[in-house]
Amino acid sequence: MVTPSEQQNKSSPDLIPQINIRTQQINQDWVAIHIQDNGMGMTEEVASKIFDPFFTTKPIGKGTGLGMTVCYQIIVEKHCGRISCNSILGTHTEFIIQIPLKQPKNEL
């Protein structure tokens, strides 16, 4: 079985894997972190499930995936932020993390 990264390397041997990270201040209250690779991307079906608990594209017994559920919990539940994924099959995947500059006060 050929993994997606092995398939990509076979189809484009000159490709140099890259990850680009950029930040931006959205407004006075929010910042964004964009993390984009130049990999194979994901199908819409896979991208729509990546934050679901226990979702993986790996065969049983071959790992648990990227831990995107944990990332979602940390960003959304702990930091009151947002995370989204934009992926184009065959070109790239980009995660956009948006975080408020000030955390809301916990109500006890």
N, C-alpha and C. Protein backbone atom coordinates (compact mmCIF):
# COMPACT_ATOMS: atom_id res chain seq x y z
N MET A 1 0.84 -1.18 0.00
CA MET A 1 0.00 0.00 0.00
C MET A 1 0.88 1.24 0.00
N VAL A 2 0.59 2.19 -0.86
CA VAL A 2 1.36 3.41 -0.98
C VAL A 2 0.66 4.50 -0.17
N THR A 3 1.41 5.14 0.74
CA THR A 3 0.84 6.22 1.52
C THR A 3 0.75 7.47 0.65
N PRO A 4 -0.12 8.45 1.04
CA PRO A 4 -0.22 9.67 0.24
C PRO A 4 1.12 10.38 0.04
N SER A 5 1.96 10.44 1.08
CA SER A 5 3.24 11.14 0.91
C SER A 5 4.16 10.38 -0.03
N GLU A 6 4.11 9.05 0.02
CA GLU A 6 4.93 8.26 -0.92
C GLU A 6 4.42 8.47 -2.34
N GLN A 7 3.09 8.54 -2.51
CA GLN A 7 2.52 8.76 -3.83
C GLN A 7 2.94 10.13 -4.35
N GLN A 8 2.92 11.13 -3.50
CA GLN A 8 3.30 12.48 -3.91
C GLN A 8 4.75 12.49 -4.35
N ASN A 9 5.61 11.84 -3.59
CA ASN A 9 7.03 11.81 -3.95
C ASN A 9 7.25 11.10 -5.27
N LYS A 10 6.43 10.07 -5.57
CA LYS A 10 6.56 9.37 -6.84
C LYS A 10 6.09 10.25 -7.99
N SER A 11 5.00 11.03 -7.75
CA SER A 11 4.46 11.82 -8.84
C SER A 11 5.23 13.13 -9.05
N SER A 12 5.90 13.64 -8.03
CA SER A 12 6.67 14.87 -8.18
C SER A 12 7.97 14.76 -7.38
N PRO A 13 8.94 14.06 -7.94
CA PRO A 13 10.18 13.81 -7.21
C PRO A 13 10.98 15.06 -6.90
N ASP A 14 10.77 16.16 -7.63
CA ASP A 14 11.52 17.38 -7.41
C ASP A 14 10.87 18.28 -6.35
N LEU A 15 9.71 17.89 -5.88
CA LEU A 15 9.00 18.70 -4.89
C LEU A 15 9.76 18.74 -3.58
N ILE A 16 9.96 19.92 -3.07
CA ILE A 16 10.60 20.09 -1.76
C ILE A 16 9.48 20.40 -0.77
N PRO A 17 9.24 19.50 0.18
CA PRO A 17 8.16 19.75 1.15
C PRO A 17 8.42 21.05 1.92
N GLN A 18 7.36 21.84 2.05
CA GLN A 18 7.48 23.11 2.75
C GLN A 18 6.28 23.34 3.66
N ILE A 19 6.51 24.05 4.74
CA ILE A 19 5.43 24.53 5.59
C ILE A 19 5.64 26.03 5.74
N ASN A 20 4.63 26.79 5.41
CA ASN A 20 4.68 28.24 5.53
C ASN A 20 3.79 28.66 6.69
N ILE A 21 4.30 29.51 7.56
CA ILE A 21 3.54 30.00 8.70
C ILE A 21 3.55 31.53 8.63
N ARG A 22 2.36 32.10 8.74
CA ARG A 22 2.29 33.56 8.78
C ARG A 22 1.25 33.97 9.81
N THR A 23 1.46 35.13 10.35
CA THR A 23 0.53 35.65 11.35
C THR A 23 -0.06 36.95 10.84
N GLN A 24 -1.21 37.29 11.38
CA GLN A 24 -1.81 38.56 11.02
C GLN A 24 -2.72 39.01 12.16
N GLN A 25 -2.77 40.30 12.34
CA GLN A 25 -3.72 40.84 13.30
C GLN A 25 -4.99 41.14 12.52
N ILE A 26 -6.07 40.45 12.89
CA ILE A 26 -7.35 40.60 12.18
C ILE A 26 -7.98 41.95 12.52
N ASN A 27 -8.01 42.27 13.80
CA ASN A 27 -8.51 43.55 14.28
C ASN A 27 -7.90 43.77 15.65
N GLN A 28 -8.41 44.72 16.41
CA GLN A 28 -7.79 45.02 17.70
C GLN A 28 -7.98 43.92 18.73
N ASP A 29 -8.86 42.96 18.44
CA ASP A 29 -9.16 41.91 19.42
C ASP A 29 -8.68 40.51 19.03
N TRP A 30 -8.36 40.29 17.76
CA TRP A 30 -8.06 38.93 17.28
C TRP A 30 -6.80 38.88 16.45
N VAL A 31 -6.08 37.74 16.55
CA VAL A 31 -4.95 37.45 15.68
C VAL A 31 -5.21 36.12 14.97
N ALA A 32 -4.56 35.94 13.84
CA ALA A 32 -4.69 34.69 13.09
C ALA A 32 -3.31 34.13 12.81
N ILE A 33 -3.23 32.81 12.83
CA ILE A 33 -2.01 32.09 12.48
C ILE A 33 -2.38 31.17 11.32
N HIS A 34 -1.72 31.34 10.20
CA HIS A 34 -1.96 30.51 9.02
C HIS A 34 -0.81 29.53 8.88
N ILE A 35 -1.13 28.26 8.78
CA ILE A 35 -0.11 27.22 8.62
C ILE A 35 -0.47 26.45 7.35
N GLN A 36 0.38 26.53 6.35
CA GLN A 36 0.08 25.92 5.05
C GLN A 36 1.24 25.06 4.58
N ASP A 37 0.90 23.88 4.04
CA ASP A 37 1.92 23.02 3.45
C ASP A 37 1.74 22.99 1.94
N ASN A 38 2.64 22.33 1.27
CA ASN A 38 2.52 22.16 -0.18
C ASN A 38 2.36 20.68 -0.52
N GLY A 39 1.67 19.96 0.38
CA GLY A 39 1.47 18.53 0.21
C GLY A 39 0.32 18.20 -0.72
N MET A 40 -0.21 17.00 -0.54
CA MET A 40 -1.23 16.49 -1.44
C MET A 40 -2.62 17.04 -1.19
N GLY A 41 -2.84 17.67 -0.06
CA GLY A 41 -4.18 18.13 0.26
C GLY A 41 -5.06 16.97 0.67
N MET A 42 -6.32 17.25 0.91
CA MET A 42 -7.30 16.24 1.35
C MET A 42 -8.55 16.36 0.51
N THR A 43 -9.27 15.26 0.45
CA THR A 43 -10.58 15.32 -0.18
C THR A 43 -11.52 16.11 0.73
N GLU A 44 -12.61 16.61 0.20
CA GLU A 44 -13.59 17.33 1.01
C GLU A 44 -14.15 16.42 2.10
N GLU A 45 -14.32 15.15 1.79
CA GLU A 45 -14.86 14.20 2.76
C GLU A 45 -13.92 14.06 3.97
N VAL A 46 -12.64 13.91 3.72
CA VAL A 46 -11.67 13.78 4.81
C VAL A 46 -11.58 15.10 5.58
N ALA A 47 -11.46 16.22 4.87
CA ALA A 47 -11.32 17.52 5.52
C ALA A 47 -12.51 17.83 6.43
N SER A 48 -13.69 17.38 6.06
CA SER A 48 -14.88 17.66 6.86
C SER A 48 -14.91 16.86 8.17
N LYS A 49 -14.05 15.85 8.29
CA LYS A 49 -14.06 14.98 9.48
C LYS A 49 -12.82 15.11 10.36
N ILE A 50 -11.85 15.92 9.97
CA ILE A 50 -10.57 15.88 10.68
C ILE A 50 -10.62 16.29 12.13
N PHE A 51 -11.63 17.05 12.53
CA PHE A 51 -11.74 17.45 13.93
C PHE A 51 -12.63 16.50 14.73
N ASP A 52 -13.17 15.47 14.09
CA ASP A 52 -14.03 14.50 14.78
C ASP A 52 -13.18 13.56 15.64
N PRO A 53 -13.65 13.29 16.86
CA PRO A 53 -12.91 12.33 17.71
C PRO A 53 -12.81 10.96 17.04
N PHE A 54 -11.68 10.34 17.16
CA PHE A 54 -11.40 8.98 16.67
C PHE A 54 -11.34 8.86 15.15
N PHE A 55 -11.42 9.97 14.41
CA PHE A 55 -11.31 9.89 12.96
C PHE A 55 -9.84 9.74 12.58
N THR A 56 -9.56 8.81 11.69
CA THR A 56 -8.22 8.64 11.13
C THR A 56 -8.35 8.04 9.74
N THR A 57 -7.38 8.30 8.92
CA THR A 57 -7.33 7.69 7.60
C THR A 57 -6.38 6.50 7.59
N LYS A 58 -5.78 6.24 8.75
CA LYS A 58 -4.81 5.15 8.86
C LYS A 58 -5.51 3.82 9.10
N PRO A 59 -4.89 2.73 8.66
CA PRO A 59 -5.46 1.40 8.94
C PRO A 59 -5.46 1.13 10.44
N ILE A 60 -6.33 0.25 10.86
CA ILE A 60 -6.43 -0.13 12.28
C ILE A 60 -5.07 -0.62 12.77
N GLY A 61 -4.65 -0.09 13.92
CA GLY A 61 -3.38 -0.49 14.51
C GLY A 61 -2.17 0.27 13.98
N LYS A 62 -2.38 1.22 13.08
CA LYS A 62 -1.26 1.95 12.47
C LYS A 62 -1.18 3.40 12.93
N GLY A 63 -1.67 3.69 14.12
CA GLY A 63 -1.59 5.06 14.63
C GLY A 63 -2.96 5.69 14.74
N THR A 64 -2.97 6.86 15.32
CA THR A 64 -4.24 7.52 15.58
C THR A 64 -4.40 8.82 14.83
N GLY A 65 -3.49 9.21 14.00
CA GLY A 65 -3.64 10.41 13.21
C GLY A 65 -2.89 11.60 13.79
N LEU A 66 -3.33 12.80 13.41
CA LEU A 66 -2.62 14.02 13.77
C LEU A 66 -3.04 14.60 15.12
N GLY A 67 -4.08 14.09 15.72
CA GLY A 67 -4.54 14.65 16.99
C GLY A 67 -5.30 15.94 16.80
N MET A 68 -6.01 16.07 15.70
CA MET A 68 -6.71 17.32 15.41
C MET A 68 -7.85 17.58 16.39
N THR A 69 -8.43 16.54 16.98
CA THR A 69 -9.46 16.74 17.99
C THR A 69 -8.87 17.46 19.20
N VAL A 70 -7.68 17.07 19.60
CA VAL A 70 -7.01 17.71 20.73
C VAL A 70 -6.67 19.16 20.37
N CYS A 71 -6.19 19.40 19.17
CA CYS A 71 -5.91 20.78 18.73
C CYS A 71 -7.17 21.62 18.79
N TYR A 72 -8.27 21.08 18.31
CA TYR A 72 -9.54 21.79 18.33
C TYR A 72 -9.94 22.14 19.76
N GLN A 73 -9.82 21.18 20.66
CA GLN A 73 -10.19 21.42 22.06
C GLN A 73 -9.34 22.52 22.68
N ILE A 74 -8.05 22.49 22.44
CA ILE A 74 -7.15 23.49 23.02
C ILE A 74 -7.48 24.88 22.48
N ILE A 75 -7.63 24.99 21.18
CA ILE A 75 -7.86 26.30 20.56
C ILE A 75 -9.26 26.84 20.87
N VAL A 76 -10.28 26.00 20.71
CA VAL A 76 -11.66 26.46 20.84
C VAL A 76 -12.11 26.50 22.30
N GLU A 77 -11.91 25.40 23.00
CA GLU A 77 -12.45 25.31 24.36
C GLU A 77 -11.58 26.01 25.40
N LYS A 78 -10.28 25.92 25.29
CA LYS A 78 -9.38 26.50 26.29
C LYS A 78 -9.03 27.97 26.01
N HIS A 79 -8.93 28.34 24.73
CA HIS A 79 -8.51 29.69 24.38
C HIS A 79 -9.61 30.52 23.73
N CYS A 80 -10.82 29.99 23.65
CA CYS A 80 -11.98 30.70 23.07
C CYS A 80 -11.69 31.17 21.64
N GLY A 81 -10.95 30.34 20.90
CA GLY A 81 -10.58 30.69 19.54
C GLY A 81 -11.35 29.89 18.50
N ARG A 82 -10.82 29.88 17.30
CA ARG A 82 -11.43 29.17 16.18
C ARG A 82 -10.31 28.51 15.37
N ILE A 83 -10.62 27.39 14.76
CA ILE A 83 -9.68 26.75 13.85
C ILE A 83 -10.46 26.26 12.64
N SER A 84 -9.89 26.46 11.48
CA SER A 84 -10.53 25.97 10.25
C SER A 84 -9.46 25.35 9.36
N CYS A 85 -9.92 24.57 8.42
CA CYS A 85 -9.03 23.88 7.49
C CYS A 85 -9.51 24.13 6.07
N ASN A 86 -8.59 24.59 5.23
CA ASN A 86 -8.85 24.73 3.79
C ASN A 86 -7.87 23.82 3.08
N SER A 87 -8.40 22.90 2.30
CA SER A 87 -7.51 21.97 1.61
C SER A 87 -7.96 21.81 0.17
N ILE A 88 -7.00 21.82 -0.72
CA ILE A 88 -7.26 21.58 -2.13
C ILE A 88 -6.47 20.34 -2.52
N LEU A 89 -7.20 19.30 -2.89
CA LEU A 89 -6.59 18.03 -3.23
C LEU A 89 -5.57 18.23 -4.35
N GLY A 90 -4.36 17.75 -4.11
CA GLY A 90 -3.31 17.84 -5.11
C GLY A 90 -2.42 19.07 -4.98
N THR A 91 -2.78 20.02 -4.10
CA THR A 91 -1.95 21.23 -4.01
C THR A 91 -1.49 21.57 -2.60
N HIS A 92 -2.41 21.65 -1.63
CA HIS A 92 -2.00 22.10 -0.30
C HIS A 92 -3.11 21.91 0.72
N THR A 93 -2.73 22.11 1.98
CA THR A 93 -3.67 22.20 3.09
C THR A 93 -3.25 23.39 3.94
N GLU A 94 -4.24 24.15 4.39
CA GLU A 94 -3.97 25.29 5.24
C GLU A 94 -4.88 25.24 6.46
N PHE A 95 -4.28 25.41 7.63
CA PHE A 95 -5.03 25.55 8.86
C PHE A 95 -4.96 27.01 9.27
N ILE A 96 -6.10 27.55 9.67
CA ILE A 96 -6.16 28.93 10.13
C ILE A 96 -6.65 28.90 11.57
N ILE A 97 -5.79 29.39 12.46
CA ILE A 97 -6.11 29.46 13.88
C ILE A 97 -6.35 30.93 14.21
N GLN A 98 -7.51 31.21 14.81
CA GLN A 98 -7.82 32.56 15.23
C GLN A 98 -7.97 32.56 16.75
N ILE A 99 -7.27 33.50 17.38
CA ILE A 99 -7.25 33.54 18.85
C ILE A 99 -7.49 34.97 19.30
N PRO A 100 -8.35 35.13 20.32
CA PRO A 100 -8.53 36.49 20.85
C PRO A 100 -7.27 36.94 21.60
N LEU A 101 -6.96 38.23 21.51
CA LEU A 101 -5.79 38.76 22.20
C LEU A 101 -5.99 38.76 23.71
N LYS A 102 -7.21 38.91 24.16
CA LYS A 102 -7.51 38.87 25.58
C LYS A 102 -8.54 37.77 25.83
N GLN A 103 -8.24 36.95 26.81
CA GLN A 103 -9.16 35.88 27.17
C GLN A 103 -10.32 36.45 27.98
N PRO A 104 -11.55 35.95 27.72
CA PRO A 104 -12.67 36.40 28.55
C PRO A 104 -12.45 35.96 30.00
N LYS A 105 -12.95 36.75 30.91
CA LYS A 105 -12.82 36.41 32.32
C LYS A 105 -13.70 35.23 32.65
N ASN A 106 -13.14 34.29 33.38
CA ASN A 106 -13.91 33.10 33.81
C ASN A 106 -14.94 33.54 34.83
N GLU A 107 -16.14 33.04 34.62
CA GLU A 107 -17.18 33.33 35.60
C GLU A 107 -17.25 32.16 36.55
N LEU A 108 -17.04 32.42 37.83
CA LEU A 108 -17.04 31.38 38.84
C LEU A 108 -18.36 31.28 39.54
